[in-house]
Amino acid sequence: MNIDTNTIISMTEANQNFSKLIRTVDKYGQAIIFKNNAPQYIVRGFPNPETTEYASVSEALASAHKIMSIYDKALQELAR
């Protein structure tokens, strides 16, 4: 996993400066909280439902059909 060094925040700093953590998430989309010099947590914001694009029902059904046709044998075995 590649980690952007701009998104790294220590556990101590996250506890003491929550607003900095949130600003980092707002700017980069996520923040990685390190504890004992190792990544422990990823903090992400929720996507804005007004600007998020969703697949249509027909696109979702087409994707499901494609996946089911690729893995048909495995799905049949699991169904037994």
PDB file of N, CA and C in Angstrom:
ATOM      1  N   MET A   1       0.844  -1.176   0.000  1.00  0.00           N
ATOM      2  CA  MET A   1       0.000   0.000   0.000  1.00  0.00           C
ATOM      3  C   MET A   1       0.886   1.234   0.000  1.00  0.00           C
ATOM      4  N   ASN A   2       0.630   2.127  -0.919  1.00  0.00           N
ATOM      5  CA  ASN A   2       1.360   3.381  -0.963  1.00  0.00           C
ATOM      6  C   ASN A   2       0.646   4.409  -0.092  1.00  0.00           C
ATOM      7  N   ILE A   3       1.413   5.099   0.733  1.00  0.00           N
ATOM      8  CA  ILE A   3       0.846   6.093   1.634  1.00  0.00           C
ATOM      9  C   ILE A   3       1.444   7.449   1.300  1.00  0.00           C
ATOM     10  N   ASP A   4       0.587   8.401   1.026  1.00  0.00           N
ATOM     11  CA  ASP A   4       1.018   9.777   0.799  1.00  0.00           C
ATOM     12  C   ASP A   4       1.475  10.346   2.142  1.00  0.00           C
ATOM     13  N   THR A   5       2.706  10.809   2.199  1.00  0.00           N
ATOM     14  CA  THR A   5       3.256  11.295   3.466  1.00  0.00           C
ATOM     15  C   THR A   5       2.491  12.503   4.001  1.00  0.00           C
ATOM     16  N   ASN A   6       1.757  13.201   3.134  1.00  0.00           N
ATOM     17  CA  ASN A   6       0.955  14.339   3.603  1.00  0.00           C
ATOM     18  C   ASN A   6      -0.240  13.892   4.433  1.00  0.00           C
ATOM     19  N   THR A   7      -0.608  12.624   4.343  1.00  0.00           N
ATOM     20  CA  THR A   7      -1.795  12.129   5.045  1.00  0.00           C
ATOM     21  C   THR A   7      -1.462  11.437   6.360  1.00  0.00           C
ATOM     22  N   ILE A   8      -0.194  11.369   6.733  1.00  0.00           N
ATOM     23  CA  ILE A   8       0.213  10.678   7.957  1.00  0.00           C
ATOM     24  C   ILE A   8       0.054  11.598   9.171  1.00  0.00           C
ATOM     25  N   ILE A   9      -0.618  11.077  10.181  1.00  0.00           N
ATOM     26  CA  ILE A   9      -0.794  11.805  11.448  1.00  0.00           C
ATOM     27  C   ILE A   9      -0.536  10.815  12.577  1.00  0.00           C
ATOM     28  N   SER A  10       0.200  11.244  13.588  1.00  0.00           N
ATOM     29  CA  SER A  10       0.464  10.357  14.726  1.00  0.00           C
ATOM     30  C   SER A  10      -0.788  10.238  15.591  1.00  0.00           C
ATOM     31  N   MET A  11      -0.857   9.171  16.345  1.00  0.00           N
ATOM     32  CA  MET A  11      -1.984   8.950  17.250  1.00  0.00           C
ATOM     33  C   MET A  11      -2.094  10.092  18.250  1.00  0.00           C
ATOM     34  N   THR A  12      -0.978  10.524  18.785  1.00  0.00           N
ATOM     35  CA  THR A  12      -0.966  11.624  19.753  1.00  0.00           C
ATOM     36  C   THR A  12      -1.518  12.896  19.129  1.00  0.00           C
ATOM     37  N   GLU A  13      -1.060  13.194  17.910  1.00  0.00           N
ATOM     38  CA  GLU A  13      -1.529  14.405  17.236  1.00  0.00           C
ATOM     39  C   GLU A  13      -3.015  14.318  16.899  1.00  0.00           C
ATOM     40  N   ALA A  14      -3.474  13.137  16.501  1.00  0.00           N
ATOM     41  CA  ALA A  14      -4.902  12.953  16.198  1.00  0.00           C
ATOM     42  C   ALA A  14      -5.743  13.189  17.444  1.00  0.00           C
ATOM     43  N   ASN A  15      -5.256  12.726  18.609  1.00  0.00           N
ATOM     44  CA  ASN A  15      -5.981  12.937  19.865  1.00  0.00           C
ATOM     45  C   ASN A  15      -5.985  14.393  20.289  1.00  0.00           C
ATOM     46  N   GLN A  16      -4.857  15.062  20.115  1.00  0.00           N
ATOM     47  CA  GLN A  16      -4.723  16.426  20.602  1.00  0.00           C
ATOM     48  C   GLN A  16      -5.204  17.476  19.611  1.00  0.00           C
ATOM     49  N   ASN A  17      -5.238  17.126  18.321  1.00  0.00           N
ATOM     50  CA  ASN A  17      -5.574  18.114  17.299  1.00  0.00           C
ATOM     51  C   ASN A  17      -6.519  17.481  16.280  1.00  0.00           C
ATOM     52  N   PHE A  18      -7.747  17.191  16.713  1.00  0.00           N
ATOM     53  CA  PHE A  18      -8.731  16.527  15.859  1.00  0.00           C
ATOM     54  C   PHE A  18      -9.045  17.362  14.622  1.00  0.00           C
ATOM     55  N   SER A  19      -9.050  18.678  14.757  1.00  0.00           N
ATOM     56  CA  SER A  19      -9.376  19.536  13.618  1.00  0.00           C
ATOM     57  C   SER A  19      -8.333  19.390  12.504  1.00  0.00           C
ATOM     58  N   LYS A  20      -7.065  19.168  12.864  1.00  0.00           N
ATOM     59  CA  LYS A  20      -6.041  18.945  11.841  1.00  0.00           C
ATOM     60  C   LYS A  20      -6.310  17.630  11.100  1.00  0.00           C
ATOM     61  N   LEU A  21      -6.720  16.612  11.833  1.00  0.00           N
ATOM     62  CA  LEU A  21      -7.062  15.333  11.223  1.00  0.00           C
ATOM     63  C   LEU A  21      -8.181  15.521  10.204  1.00  0.00           C
ATOM     64  N   ILE A  22      -9.222  16.248  10.575  1.00  0.00           N
ATOM     65  CA  ILE A  22     -10.356  16.476   9.685  1.00  0.00           C
ATOM     66  C   ILE A  22      -9.944  17.315   8.481  1.00  0.00           C
ATOM     67  N   ARG A  23      -9.112  18.323   8.678  1.00  0.00           N
ATOM     68  CA  ARG A  23      -8.632  19.127   7.550  1.00  0.00           C
ATOM     69  C   ARG A  23      -7.851  18.274   6.559  1.00  0.00           C
ATOM     70  N   THR A  24      -7.056  17.336   7.078  1.00  0.00           N
ATOM     71  CA  THR A  24      -6.296  16.437   6.211  1.00  0.00           C
ATOM     72  C   THR A  24      -7.236  15.552   5.401  1.00  0.00           C
ATOM     73  N   VAL A  25      -8.258  15.018   6.046  1.00  0.00           N
ATOM     74  CA  VAL A  25      -9.235  14.186   5.343  1.00  0.00           C
ATOM     75  C   VAL A  25      -9.961  15.008   4.281  1.00  0.00           C
ATOM     76  N   ASP A  26     -10.338  16.237   4.619  1.00  0.00           N
ATOM     77  CA  ASP A  26     -11.016  17.101   3.653  1.00  0.00           C
ATOM     78  C   ASP A  26     -10.129  17.400   2.445  1.00  0.00           C
ATOM     79  N   LYS A  27      -8.843  17.591   2.691  1.00  0.00           N
ATOM     80  CA  LYS A  27      -7.931  17.965   1.610  1.00  0.00           C
ATOM     81  C   LYS A  27      -7.513  16.767   0.753  1.00  0.00           C
ATOM     82  N   TYR A  28      -7.194  15.637   1.373  1.00  0.00           N
ATOM     83  CA  TYR A  28      -6.637  14.501   0.651  1.00  0.00           C
ATOM     84  C   TYR A  28      -7.603  13.315   0.503  1.00  0.00           C
ATOM     85  N   GLY A  29      -8.755  13.397   1.141  1.00  0.00           N
ATOM     86  CA  GLY A  29      -9.711  12.307   1.042  1.00  0.00           C
ATOM     87  C   GLY A  29      -9.562  11.247   2.118  1.00  0.00           C
ATOM     88  N   GLN A  30      -8.411  11.225   2.774  1.00  0.00           N
ATOM     89  CA  GLN A  30      -8.183  10.272   3.854  1.00  0.00           C
ATOM     90  C   GLN A  30      -6.994  10.719   4.684  1.00  0.00           C
ATOM     91  N   ALA A  31      -6.876  10.142   5.860  1.00  0.00           N
ATOM     92  CA  ALA A  31      -5.719  10.354   6.724  1.00  0.00           C
ATOM     93  C   ALA A  31      -5.334   9.003   7.305  1.00  0.00           C
ATOM     94  N   ILE A  32      -4.042   8.780   7.447  1.00  0.00           N
ATOM     95  CA  ILE A  32      -3.531   7.540   8.020  1.00  0.00           C
ATOM     96  C   ILE A  32      -2.991   7.872   9.407  1.00  0.00           C
ATOM     97  N   ILE A  33      -3.535   7.225  10.428  1.00  0.00           N
ATOM     98  CA  ILE A  33      -3.066   7.448  11.793  1.00  0.00           C
ATOM     99  C   ILE A  33      -2.049   6.374  12.139  1.00  0.00           C
ATOM    100  N   PHE A  34      -0.861   6.817  12.520  1.00  0.00           N
ATOM    101  CA  PHE A  34       0.217   5.909  12.904  1.00  0.00           C
ATOM    102  C   PHE A  34       0.265   5.764  14.420  1.00  0.00           C
ATOM    103  N   LYS A  35       0.497   4.552  14.872  1.00  0.00           N
ATOM    104  CA  LYS A  35       0.678   4.270  16.292  1.00  0.00           C
ATOM    105  C   LYS A  35       1.927   3.404  16.404  1.00  0.00           C
ATOM    106  N   ASN A  36       2.865   3.820  17.232  1.00  0.00           N
ATOM    107  CA  ASN A  36       4.148   3.118  17.385  1.00  0.00           C
ATOM    108  C   ASN A  36       4.852   2.952  16.040  1.00  0.00           C
ATOM    109  N   ASN A  37       4.854   4.032  15.254  1.00  0.00           N
ATOM    110  CA  ASN A  37       5.540   4.094  13.957  1.00  0.00           C
ATOM    111  C   ASN A  37       5.026   3.082  12.936  1.00  0.00           C
ATOM    112  N   ALA A  38       3.768   2.694  13.048  1.00  0.00           N
ATOM    113  CA  ALA A  38       3.160   1.781  12.086  1.00  0.00           C
ATOM    114  C   ALA A  38       1.738   2.254  11.792  1.00  0.00           C
ATOM    115  N   PRO A  39       1.289   2.122  10.553  1.00  0.00           N
ATOM    116  CA  PRO A  39      -0.086   2.539  10.243  1.00  0.00           C
ATOM    117  C   PRO A  39      -1.098   1.670  10.980  1.00  0.00           C
ATOM    118  N   GLN A  40      -2.052   2.319  11.647  1.00  0.00           N
ATOM    119  CA  GLN A  40      -3.060   1.599  12.428  1.00  0.00           C
ATOM    120  C   GLN A  40      -4.478   1.857  11.938  1.00  0.00           C
ATOM    121  N   TYR A  41      -4.750   3.075  11.509  1.00  0.00           N
ATOM    122  CA  TYR A  41      -6.121   3.439  11.143  1.00  0.00           C
ATOM    123  C   TYR A  41      -6.124   4.291   9.883  1.00  0.00           C
ATOM    124  N   ILE A  42      -7.199   4.129   9.102  1.00  0.00           N
ATOM    125  CA  ILE A  42      -7.464   5.003   7.971  1.00  0.00           C
ATOM    126  C   ILE A  42      -8.755   5.739   8.283  1.00  0.00           C
ATOM    127  N   VAL A  43      -8.720   7.053   8.187  1.00  0.00           N
ATOM    128  CA  VAL A  43      -9.911   7.868   8.402  1.00  0.00           C
ATOM    129  C   VAL A  43     -10.306   8.442   7.049  1.00  0.00           C
ATOM    130  N   ARG A  44     -11.550   8.190   6.653  1.00  0.00           N
ATOM    131  CA  ARG A  44     -12.060   8.696   5.378  1.00  0.00           C
ATOM    132  C   ARG A  44     -13.378   9.401   5.612  1.00  0.00           C
ATOM    133  N   GLY A  45     -13.654  10.357   4.749  1.00  0.00           N
ATOM    134  CA  GLY A  45     -14.936  11.035   4.807  1.00  0.00           C
ATOM    135  C   GLY A  45     -15.959  10.305   3.958  1.00  0.00           C
ATOM    136  N   PHE A  46     -17.225  10.565   4.225  1.00  0.00           N
ATOM    137  CA  PHE A  46     -18.287  10.006   3.406  1.00  0.00           C
ATOM    138  C   PHE A  46     -18.390  10.805   2.116  1.00  0.00           C
ATOM    139  N   PRO A  47     -18.671  10.120   1.004  1.00  0.00           N
ATOM    140  CA  PRO A  47     -18.847  10.867  -0.242  1.00  0.00           C
ATOM    141  C   PRO A  47     -20.129  11.693  -0.191  1.00  0.00           C
ATOM    142  N   ASN A  48     -20.135  12.791  -0.879  1.00  0.00           N
ATOM    143  CA  ASN A  48     -21.293  13.659  -0.930  1.00  0.00           C
ATOM    144  C   ASN A  48     -22.341  13.024  -1.845  1.00  0.00           C
ATOM    145  N   PRO A  49     -23.517  12.666  -1.334  1.00  0.00           N
ATOM    146  CA  PRO A  49     -24.509  11.980  -2.168  1.00  0.00           C
ATOM    147  C   PRO A  49     -25.021  12.837  -3.318  1.00  0.00           C
ATOM    148  N   GLU A  50     -24.903  14.152  -3.216  1.00  0.00           N
ATOM    149  CA  GLU A  50     -25.378  15.026  -4.279  1.00  0.00           C
ATOM    150  C   GLU A  50     -24.432  15.035  -5.479  1.00  0.00           C
ATOM    151  N   THR A  51     -23.144  14.733  -5.256  1.00  0.00           N
ATOM    152  CA  THR A  51     -22.184  14.763  -6.357  1.00  0.00           C
ATOM    153  C   THR A  51     -21.708  13.371  -6.766  1.00  0.00           C
ATOM    154  N   THR A  52     -22.125  12.342  -6.038  1.00  0.00           N
ATOM    155  CA  THR A  52     -21.706  10.982  -6.346  1.00  0.00           C
ATOM    156  C   THR A  52     -22.589  10.418  -7.446  1.00  0.00           C
ATOM    157  N   GLU A  53     -21.945   9.803  -8.450  1.00  0.00           N
ATOM    158  CA  GLU A  53     -22.692   9.181  -9.534  1.00  0.00           C
ATOM    159  C   GLU A  53     -22.868   7.700  -9.229  1.00  0.00           C
ATOM    160  N   TYR A  54     -24.064   7.220  -9.454  1.00  0.00           N
ATOM    161  CA  TYR A  54     -24.368   5.818  -9.211  1.00  0.00           C
ATOM    162  C   TYR A  54     -24.705   5.150 -10.539  1.00  0.00           C
ATOM    163  N   ALA A  55     -24.463   3.857 -10.603  1.00  0.00           N
ATOM    164  CA  ALA A  55     -24.807   3.092 -11.793  1.00  0.00           C
ATOM    165  C   ALA A  55     -26.324   2.954 -11.881  1.00  0.00           C
ATOM    166  N   SER A  56     -26.814   2.877 -13.115  1.00  0.00           N
ATOM    167  CA  SER A  56     -28.247   2.644 -13.297  1.00  0.00           C
ATOM    168  C   SER A  56     -28.545   1.183 -12.973  1.00  0.00           C
ATOM    169  N   VAL A  57     -29.804   0.876 -12.827  1.00  0.00           N
ATOM    170  CA  VAL A  57     -30.213  -0.492 -12.520  1.00  0.00           C
ATOM    171  C   VAL A  57     -29.767  -1.433 -13.630  1.00  0.00           C
ATOM    172  N   SER A  58     -29.912  -1.005 -14.880  1.00  0.00           N
ATOM    173  CA  SER A  58     -29.519  -1.873 -16.001  1.00  0.00           C
ATOM    174  C   SER A  58     -28.008  -2.122 -16.006  1.00  0.00           C
ATOM    175  N   GLU A  59     -27.215  -1.104 -15.652  1.00  0.00           N
ATOM    176  CA  GLU A  59     -25.767  -1.293 -15.575  1.00  0.00           C
ATOM    177  C   GLU A  59     -25.401  -2.244 -14.440  1.00  0.00           C
ATOM    178  N   ALA A  60     -26.069  -2.116 -13.312  1.00  0.00           N
ATOM    179  CA  ALA A  60     -25.799  -3.003 -12.179  1.00  0.00           C
ATOM    180  C   ALA A  60     -26.171  -4.440 -12.518  1.00  0.00           C
ATOM    181  N   LEU A  61     -27.310  -4.641 -13.166  1.00  0.00           N
ATOM    182  CA  LEU A  61     -27.724  -5.982 -13.560  1.00  0.00           C
ATOM    183  C   LEU A  61     -26.775  -6.589 -14.588  1.00  0.00           C
ATOM    184  N   ALA A  62     -26.299  -5.778 -15.518  1.00  0.00           N
ATOM    185  CA  ALA A  62     -25.346  -6.262 -16.522  1.00  0.00           C
ATOM    186  C   ALA A  62     -24.047  -6.699 -15.847  1.00  0.00           C
ATOM    187  N   SER A  63     -23.578  -5.919 -14.867  1.00  0.00           N
ATOM    188  CA  SER A  63     -22.358  -6.293 -14.141  1.00  0.00           C
ATOM    189  C   SER A  63     -22.552  -7.572 -13.352  1.00  0.00           C
ATOM    190  N   ALA A  64     -23.701  -7.703 -12.700  1.00  0.00           N
ATOM    191  CA  ALA A  64     -23.992  -8.917 -11.930  1.00  0.00           C
ATOM    192  C   ALA A  64     -24.055 -10.133 -12.844  1.00  0.00           C
ATOM    193  N   HIS A  65     -24.681  -9.980 -14.007  1.00  0.00           N
ATOM    194  CA  HIS A  65     -24.778 -11.087 -14.964  1.00  0.00           C
ATOM    195  C   HIS A  65     -23.389 -11.501 -15.443  1.00  0.00           C
ATOM    196  N   LYS A  66     -22.544 -10.525 -15.719  1.00  0.00           N
ATOM    197  CA  LYS A  66     -21.176 -10.813 -16.179  1.00  0.00           C
ATOM    198  C   LYS A  66     -20.399 -11.584 -15.109  1.00  0.00           C
ATOM    199  N   ILE A  67     -20.483 -11.152 -13.870  1.00  0.00           N
ATOM    200  CA  ILE A  67     -19.772 -11.820 -12.775  1.00  0.00           C
ATOM    201  C   ILE A  67     -20.304 -13.235 -12.588  1.00  0.00           C
ATOM    202  N   MET A  68     -21.621 -13.371 -12.620  1.00  0.00           N
ATOM    203  CA  MET A  68     -22.209 -14.707 -12.426  1.00  0.00           C
ATOM    204  C   MET A  68     -21.833 -15.650 -13.566  1.00  0.00           C
ATOM    205  N   SER A  69     -21.725 -15.123 -14.783  1.00  0.00           N
ATOM    206  CA  SER A  69     -21.356 -16.004 -15.891  1.00  0.00           C
ATOM    207  C   SER A  69     -19.885 -16.415 -15.797  1.00  0.00           C
ATOM    208  N   ILE A  70     -19.042 -15.551 -15.301  1.00  0.00           N
ATOM    209  CA  ILE A  70     -17.615 -15.871 -15.160  1.00  0.00           C
ATOM    210  C   ILE A  70     -17.420 -16.947 -14.092  1.00  0.00           C
ATOM    211  N   TYR A  71     -18.140 -16.816 -12.985  1.00  0.00           N
ATOM    212  CA  TYR A  71     -17.951 -17.710 -11.843  1.00  0.00           C
ATOM    213  C   TYR A  71     -19.093 -18.716 -11.692  1.00  0.00           C
ATOM    214  N   ASP A  72     -19.755 -19.057 -12.784  1.00  0.00           N
ATOM    215  CA  ASP A  72     -20.919 -19.934 -12.738  1.00  0.00           C
ATOM    216  C   ASP A  72     -20.604 -21.280 -12.088  1.00  0.00           C
ATOM    217  N   LYS A  73     -19.504 -21.915 -12.487  1.00  0.00           N
ATOM    218  CA  LYS A  73     -19.172 -23.228 -11.919  1.00  0.00           C
ATOM    219  C   LYS A  73     -18.929 -23.139 -10.410  1.00  0.00           C
ATOM    220  N   ALA A  74     -18.187 -22.147  -9.987  1.00  0.00           N
ATOM    221  CA  ALA A  74     -17.899 -22.000  -8.558  1.00  0.00           C
ATOM    222  C   ALA A  74     -19.177 -21.724  -7.778  1.00  0.00           C
ATOM    223  N   LEU A  75     -20.069 -20.898  -8.340  1.00  0.00           N
ATOM    224  CA  LEU A  75     -21.316 -20.592  -7.658  1.00  0.00           C
ATOM    225  C   LEU A  75     -22.205 -21.838  -7.564  1.00  0.00           C
ATOM    226  N   GLN A  76     -22.189 -22.650  -8.605  1.00  0.00           N
ATOM    227  CA  GLN A  76     -22.968 -23.907  -8.561  1.00  0.00           C
ATOM    228  C   GLN A  76     -22.448 -24.827  -7.463  1.00  0.00           C
ATOM    229  N   GLU A  77     -21.130 -24.912  -7.321  1.00  0.00           N
ATOM    230  CA  GLU A  77     -20.537 -25.745  -6.282  1.00  0.00           C
ATOM    231  C   GLU A  77     -20.883 -25.222  -4.894  1.00  0.00           C
ATOM    232  N   LEU A  78     -20.852 -23.933  -4.727  1.00  0.00           N
ATOM    233  CA  LEU A  78     -21.185 -23.342  -3.425  1.00  0.00           C
ATOM    234  C   LEU A  78     -22.664 -23.541  -3.091  1.00  0.00           C
ATOM    235  N   ALA A  79     -23.507 -23.605  -4.109  1.00  0.00           N
ATOM    236  CA  ALA A  79     -24.937 -23.766  -3.871  1.00  0.00           C
ATOM    237  C   ALA A  79     -25.290 -25.178  -3.379  1.00  0.00           C
ATOM    238  N   ARG A  80     -24.425 -26.155  -3.605  1.00  0.00           N
ATOM    239  CA  ARG A  80     -24.705 -27.528  -3.180  1.00  0.00           C
ATOM    240  C   ARG A  80     -24.663 -27.688  -1.690  1.00  0.00           C
TER     241      ARG A  80
END
